[in-house]
Amino acid sequence: MFNSLTTFDFFPSLPLGVTKLDGTDNRQFLQGQLTCELDSLTTSHSQLGAHCDAKGKMMASLRLIDSGNEVLALQAAENTAIHLPMLTKYAVFSKVTITDSTDEFICSGLLGQNAQQWLADNYGAALNAENDAVNTDIGTVVKLDEINGPRFLVVSNKKQHTALTQVISNAQAQSQSTSLWQALDCASGAPQVTPVTQAEFVPQMLNLQMIDAINFKKGCYIGQETVARMHFRGLNKRGMFILQSSSHIDCNVGDNVEKQLGENWRNAGIVVSVAHVNEQTIACAVLPTDFELSESVRVKNNVQGIFTVTKPAYFVD
């Protein structure tokens, strides 16, 4: 699936929505809304978090970026507009302006050892897990993971994106598809919420406690009681796994997957993200945390294709 990757890959435009939070209370407001600790968000460190409803079910999975002027919240593009009123309804008494700014920004991707060196040489972006973000002339650069080589997200305004495309054209980078980036997200176990899966899962079911996206010591936020109870009482019995097939399988977000029990098949979980690349399919699905990796799964009632199951690299038993 990832055979087409090179040492310097460029993904020109990614399907990410951008919500902009401006105003003196933007961090204080988010502190009372999200599962993560806002003090951890700096211009040199991005932060993952979830926005939940009052029952602790996820309405959005967000990556927060401090651009130096405002906080940008990134998520699946198709979830941004429907999530916006859920966030703004709590902002009445705060000095914060919240806007869907997807049209103001372009999100791009870079991947590979040469991409990493190029960023370091030209923009001083020697990024690591502790200092994973930097604001540059081409936008805010965030290091994501190294599952298939060092991978970077670039969030640019239109002027910065024009500059980025100009310098990239001279950098001998290989242009790659959006579907390949989405496959890389699945391979890394990146959590995602879309309109189909809103209010379906508590954050632990998408592994957010494993990627520093939940702070169990912070003060109150929407849905905290449920999230904390699941953690401290050990009530969560589900987590997100990676499904992969060497053939194309008709599979969509929200599909039920099932595992084989003898001659029968029984419901096992729900697909939360999926990508198709080179006639192969990779997905993430929420399954029981004690799922045996030796077991195969299929999309419900689909006898044409079988997935193998693996754990994300960060998975904690």
Protein backbone atom coordinates (compact mmCIF):
# COMPACT_ATOMS: atom_id res chain seq x y z
CA MET A 1 0.00 0.00 0.00
CA PHE A 2 2.81 2.40 0.84
CA ASN A 3 5.21 1.31 -1.92
CA SER A 4 4.77 4.61 -3.74
CA LEU A 5 6.27 6.63 -0.87
CA THR A 6 9.64 8.27 -1.51
CA THR A 7 12.13 10.12 0.68
CA PHE A 8 10.35 13.42 -0.03
CA ASP A 9 6.57 13.32 -0.55
CA PHE A 10 4.23 16.29 -0.82
CA PHE A 11 0.47 16.15 -0.25
CA PRO A 12 -0.80 19.48 -1.68
CA SER A 13 -4.24 19.70 -0.06
CA LEU A 14 -5.69 17.64 2.77
CA PRO A 15 -9.37 17.27 3.77
CA LEU A 16 -9.06 19.08 7.09
CA GLY A 17 -11.36 21.75 8.43
CA VAL A 18 -10.03 24.67 10.47
CA THR A 19 -11.92 26.37 13.29
CA LYS A 20 -10.31 29.61 14.47
CA LEU A 21 -10.65 30.81 18.05
CA ASP A 22 -9.62 34.40 18.64
CA GLY A 23 -9.93 36.65 21.68
CA THR A 24 -8.43 36.98 25.14
CA ASP A 25 -10.49 34.08 26.58
CA ASN A 26 -9.85 31.55 23.80
CA ARG A 27 -7.64 29.26 25.92
CA GLN A 28 -9.75 29.61 29.05
CA PHE A 29 -12.83 28.79 27.01
CA LEU A 30 -11.26 25.68 25.47
CA GLN A 31 -9.99 24.56 28.87
CA GLY A 32 -13.61 24.25 29.99
CA GLN A 33 -14.66 22.44 26.82
CA LEU A 34 -12.01 19.90 25.85
CA THR A 35 -10.48 16.79 27.39
CA CYS A 36 -6.90 18.05 27.07
CA GLU A 37 -4.79 20.47 29.11
CA LEU A 38 -4.55 23.84 27.34
CA ASP A 39 -1.42 24.84 29.26
CA SER A 40 0.38 22.24 27.14
CA LEU A 41 -0.46 24.13 23.94
CA THR A 42 2.35 26.48 22.85
CA THR A 43 3.74 27.79 19.58
CA SER A 44 6.26 24.90 19.77
CA HIS A 45 3.83 22.16 20.80
CA SER A 46 0.46 21.20 19.32
CA GLN A 47 -2.17 19.43 21.39
CA LEU A 48 -4.71 16.69 20.67
CA GLY A 49 -8.07 16.68 22.42
CA ALA A 50 -11.74 15.80 22.20
CA HIS A 51 -14.90 17.85 22.46
CA CYS A 52 -17.66 15.81 24.08
CA ASP A 53 -21.35 16.18 24.76
CA ALA A 54 -22.77 16.16 28.28
CA LYS A 55 -22.79 12.35 28.24
CA GLY A 56 -19.07 12.18 27.50
CA LYS A 57 -19.54 11.08 23.88
CA MET A 58 -17.18 12.61 21.32
CA MET A 59 -18.50 15.27 19.00
CA ALA A 60 -15.08 16.12 17.56
CA SER A 61 -11.47 14.95 17.61
CA LEU A 62 -9.25 18.02 17.40
CA ARG A 63 -5.62 18.95 16.90
CA LEU A 64 -4.98 22.38 18.39
CA ILE A 65 -2.30 24.69 16.99
CA ASP A 66 -1.09 28.00 18.43
CA SER A 67 -0.39 30.11 15.36
CA GLY A 68 0.94 32.97 17.47
CA ASN A 69 -2.18 35.08 16.92
CA GLU A 70 -5.02 32.65 17.56
CA VAL A 71 -5.75 29.01 18.31
CA LEU A 72 -6.60 26.82 15.32
CA ALA A 73 -8.58 23.62 15.84
CA LEU A 74 -8.21 21.05 13.05
CA GLN A 75 -10.48 18.09 12.38
CA ALA A 76 -12.08 16.10 9.56
CA ALA A 77 -13.39 18.62 7.04
CA GLU A 78 -16.85 17.06 6.87
CA ASN A 79 -17.28 17.42 10.64
CA THR A 80 -16.24 21.07 10.96
CA ALA A 81 -19.43 22.89 9.97
CA ILE A 82 -21.75 20.60 11.93
CA HIS A 83 -19.51 20.80 15.00
CA LEU A 84 -19.21 24.60 15.01
CA PRO A 85 -22.62 25.40 16.62
CA MET A 86 -21.94 22.78 19.29
CA LEU A 87 -18.83 24.71 20.27
CA THR A 88 -20.11 28.27 19.89
CA LYS A 89 -23.21 27.75 22.05
CA TYR A 90 -20.99 27.70 25.13
CA ALA A 91 -19.06 30.86 24.19
CA VAL A 92 -21.74 33.43 25.07
CA PHE A 93 -20.05 34.60 28.25
CA SER A 94 -16.46 34.41 27.03
CA LYS A 95 -14.35 36.92 25.15
CA VAL A 96 -13.76 34.58 22.24
CA THR A 97 -14.71 34.65 18.58
CA ILE A 98 -15.15 31.25 16.94
CA THR A 99 -15.32 30.94 13.17
CA ASP A 100 -15.15 28.22 10.56
CA SER A 101 -12.00 29.40 8.81
CA THR A 102 -11.53 26.43 6.50
CA ASP A 103 -11.58 28.74 3.47
CA GLU A 104 -8.76 30.86 4.95
CA PHE A 105 -6.28 28.01 5.38
CA ILE A 106 -4.85 25.16 3.31
CA CYS A 107 -3.53 22.07 5.05
CA SER A 108 -0.70 20.23 3.30
CA GLY A 109 1.47 17.26 4.16
CA LEU A 110 5.16 16.37 3.89
CA LEU A 111 6.73 12.97 4.47
CA GLY A 112 10.17 11.36 4.30
CA GLN A 113 13.73 11.74 5.50
CA ASN A 114 14.57 14.30 2.82
CA ALA A 115 11.43 16.28 3.70
CA GLN A 116 12.58 16.36 7.32
CA GLN A 117 16.04 17.56 6.29
CA TRP A 118 14.56 20.16 3.94
CA LEU A 119 12.41 21.59 6.75
CA ALA A 120 15.37 21.72 9.11
CA ASP A 121 17.70 23.34 6.57
CA ASN A 122 15.26 25.95 5.28
CA TYR A 123 13.00 26.70 8.25
CA GLY A 124 14.88 25.54 11.34
CA ALA A 125 12.18 22.94 11.90
CA ALA A 126 14.18 20.39 13.91
CA LEU A 127 11.02 18.94 15.42
CA ASN A 128 10.51 16.13 17.93
CA ALA A 129 7.80 14.78 20.23
CA GLU A 130 8.29 17.53 22.84
CA ASN A 131 8.69 20.40 20.37
CA ASP A 132 6.52 19.26 17.50
CA ALA A 133 5.43 22.61 16.04
CA VAL A 134 6.99 25.75 14.62
CA ASN A 135 5.58 28.84 12.90
CA THR A 136 7.40 29.57 9.63
CA ASP A 137 7.10 31.62 6.46
CA ILE A 138 5.19 28.76 4.81
CA GLY A 139 2.80 28.25 7.75
CA THR A 140 2.72 26.29 10.98
CA VAL A 141 4.59 22.99 10.64
CA VAL A 142 3.64 20.12 12.97
CA LYS A 143 5.45 16.80 13.21
CA LEU A 144 2.90 13.98 13.44
CA ASP A 145 4.62 10.57 13.58
CA GLU A 146 7.30 8.35 12.04
CA ILE A 147 5.28 5.21 11.31
CA ASN A 148 6.19 5.26 7.60
CA GLY A 149 8.89 7.90 7.83
CA PRO A 150 8.81 11.36 9.43
CA ARG A 151 5.45 12.97 8.63
CA PHE A 152 4.56 16.65 8.86
CA LEU A 153 1.39 18.72 8.64
CA VAL A 154 1.66 22.27 7.27
CA VAL A 155 -1.17 24.72 7.99
CA SER A 156 -0.88 27.80 5.78
CA ASN A 157 -2.89 30.87 4.93
CA LYS A 158 -3.30 31.45 1.21
CA LYS A 159 -0.22 33.66 0.88
CA GLN A 160 1.92 31.14 2.77
CA HIS A 161 0.55 28.26 0.71
CA THR A 162 1.51 30.04 -2.50
CA ALA A 163 5.03 30.40 -1.12
CA LEU A 164 5.05 26.74 -0.11
CA THR A 165 4.04 25.48 -3.54
CA GLN A 166 6.71 27.67 -5.14
CA VAL A 167 9.57 26.39 -2.99
CA ILE A 168 8.31 22.80 -3.17
CA SER A 169 8.44 22.94 -6.96
CA ASN A 170 12.22 23.37 -6.68
CA ALA A 171 12.69 20.73 -3.98
CA GLN A 172 12.21 17.58 -6.09
CA ALA A 173 9.30 16.42 -3.98
CA GLN A 174 6.92 13.74 -5.24
CA SER A 175 3.28 14.81 -5.28
CA GLN A 176 1.00 12.25 -3.62
CA SER A 177 -2.75 11.68 -3.28
CA THR A 178 -5.10 12.58 -0.45
CA SER A 179 -6.17 8.95 -0.17
CA LEU A 180 -2.58 7.95 0.58
CA TRP A 181 -2.42 10.53 3.41
CA GLN A 182 -5.68 9.15 4.80
CA ALA A 183 -4.16 5.66 4.68
CA LEU A 184 -1.18 6.97 6.64
CA ASP A 185 -3.60 8.38 9.22
CA CYS A 186 -5.21 4.95 9.56
CA ALA A 187 -1.83 3.24 9.83
CA SER A 188 -0.83 5.57 12.66
CA GLY A 189 -4.11 5.05 14.53
CA ALA A 190 -5.10 8.72 14.30
CA PRO A 191 -8.53 9.30 15.91
CA GLN A 192 -11.24 10.82 13.75
CA VAL A 193 -14.87 11.80 14.30
CA THR A 194 -17.24 12.45 11.41
CA PRO A 195 -20.98 13.19 11.34
CA VAL A 196 -21.62 9.44 11.05
CA THR A 197 -19.79 8.69 14.31
CA GLN A 198 -20.65 11.76 16.38
CA ALA A 199 -21.90 10.89 19.89
CA GLU A 200 -20.98 7.21 19.42
CA PHE A 201 -17.81 6.87 21.50
CA VAL A 202 -16.25 8.10 24.71
CA PRO A 203 -12.68 9.34 24.05
CA GLN A 204 -11.02 6.20 25.45
CA MET A 205 -12.69 4.12 22.74
CA LEU A 206 -10.62 6.05 20.16
CA ASN A 207 -7.47 5.63 22.29
CA LEU A 208 -7.17 9.31 23.23
CA GLN A 209 -5.79 8.43 26.68
CA MET A 210 -2.82 6.79 24.92
CA ILE A 211 -1.84 9.87 22.92
CA ASP A 212 -1.93 12.55 25.64
CA ALA A 213 -5.32 13.86 24.52
CA ILE A 214 -7.05 13.45 27.91
CA ASN A 215 -5.88 15.05 31.14
CA PHE A 216 -7.51 13.26 34.08
CA LYS A 217 -6.25 15.84 36.61
CA LYS A 218 -7.62 19.02 35.01
CA GLY A 219 -10.75 20.83 36.11
CA CYS A 220 -14.26 20.47 34.79
CA TYR A 221 -15.11 20.25 31.10
CA ILE A 222 -18.14 19.07 29.16
CA GLY A 223 -18.60 15.32 29.68
CA GLN A 224 -15.81 15.03 32.27
CA GLU A 225 -17.84 12.95 34.72
CA THR A 226 -18.33 10.13 32.24
CA VAL A 227 -14.76 10.26 30.90
CA ALA A 228 -13.30 10.20 34.43
CA ARG A 229 -15.60 7.41 35.60
CA MET A 230 -14.61 5.23 32.64
CA HIS A 231 -10.96 5.78 33.54
CA PHE A 232 -10.88 5.48 37.31
CA ARG A 233 -13.35 2.59 37.51
CA GLY A 234 -11.85 0.73 34.56
CA LEU A 235 -15.17 0.62 32.76
CA ASN A 236 -13.94 1.07 29.20
CA LYS A 237 -13.73 -2.23 27.32
CA ARG A 238 -13.29 -0.95 23.78
CA GLY A 239 -10.44 0.56 21.78
CA MET A 240 -9.44 1.46 18.23
CA PHE A 241 -7.57 -1.08 16.09
CA ILE A 242 -6.16 -1.03 12.56
CA LEU A 243 -7.77 -3.21 9.86
CA GLN A 244 -5.90 -3.92 6.66
CA SER A 245 -6.49 -5.94 3.52
CA SER A 246 -4.27 -6.60 0.48
CA SER A 247 -7.39 -6.32 -1.71
CA HIS A 248 -10.05 -3.65 -2.15
CA ILE A 249 -12.98 -4.09 0.23
CA ASP A 250 -16.15 -2.03 0.03
CA CYS A 251 -16.02 -0.35 3.41
CA ASN A 252 -17.34 2.93 4.79
CA VAL A 253 -17.26 4.83 8.05
CA GLY A 254 -20.07 3.60 10.26
CA ASP A 255 -20.08 0.07 8.83
CA ASN A 256 -20.36 -2.74 11.34
CA VAL A 257 -17.58 -5.31 11.33
CA GLU A 258 -17.93 -8.86 12.57
CA LYS A 259 -15.64 -11.69 13.61
CA GLN A 260 -16.02 -15.39 12.97
CA LEU A 261 -17.20 -17.72 15.72
CA GLY A 262 -17.16 -21.26 14.40
CA GLU A 263 -19.30 -21.28 11.28
CA ASN A 264 -21.06 -18.07 12.26
CA TRP A 265 -20.16 -14.39 12.33
CA ARG A 266 -20.90 -12.07 15.27
CA ASN A 267 -20.82 -8.28 15.55
CA ALA A 268 -17.42 -7.01 16.73
CA GLY A 269 -17.28 -3.24 16.20
CA ILE A 270 -17.65 -0.16 14.01
CA VAL A 271 -15.44 1.39 11.32
CA VAL A 272 -14.39 4.96 12.20
CA SER A 273 -12.03 5.79 9.32
CA VAL A 274 -11.08 4.15 6.02
CA ALA A 275 -8.85 4.65 2.97
CA HIS A 276 -8.43 2.82 -0.33
CA VAL A 277 -5.02 2.90 -2.05
CA ASN A 278 -3.75 0.79 -4.96
CA GLU A 279 -6.68 -1.64 -4.74
CA GLN A 280 -5.97 -2.17 -1.05
CA THR A 281 -7.99 -1.07 1.96
CA ILE A 282 -6.95 0.13 5.40
CA ALA A 283 -9.31 1.26 8.15
CA CYS A 284 -9.61 1.91 11.86
CA ALA A 285 -12.38 0.30 13.86
CA VAL A 286 -13.50 0.28 17.48
CA LEU A 287 -13.33 -3.29 18.82
CA PRO A 288 -13.21 -4.93 22.27
CA THR A 289 -9.87 -4.15 23.94
CA ASP A 290 -9.27 -7.88 24.47
CA PHE A 291 -9.73 -8.65 20.76
CA GLU A 292 -7.45 -11.50 19.70
CA LEU A 293 -5.24 -10.32 16.85
CA SER A 294 -5.22 -13.81 15.40
CA GLU A 295 -8.92 -13.37 14.60
CA SER A 296 -9.95 -11.87 11.27
CA VAL A 297 -12.88 -9.55 10.70
CA ARG A 298 -15.05 -8.58 7.76
CA VAL A 299 -17.55 -5.86 6.98
CA LYS A 300 -20.94 -7.16 8.07
CA ASN A 301 -22.45 -9.55 5.49
CA ASN A 302 -19.57 -8.93 3.06
CA VAL A 303 -18.15 -12.34 2.17
CA GLN A 304 -15.71 -10.98 -0.42
CA GLY A 305 -12.96 -9.61 1.80
CA ILE A 306 -11.22 -10.29 5.13
CA PHE A 307 -9.21 -7.84 7.23
CA THR A 308 -6.23 -8.62 9.41
CA VAL A 309 -6.18 -6.72 12.71
CA THR A 310 -3.23 -4.97 14.36
CA LYS A 311 -2.76 -2.52 17.21
CA PRO A 312 -1.58 1.07 16.67
CA ALA A 313 2.07 1.53 17.62
CA TYR A 314 1.13 3.55 20.71
CA PHE A 315 -1.37 0.95 22.03
CA VAL A 316 -1.21 0.20 25.76
CA ASP A 317 -2.79 -3.05 26.95
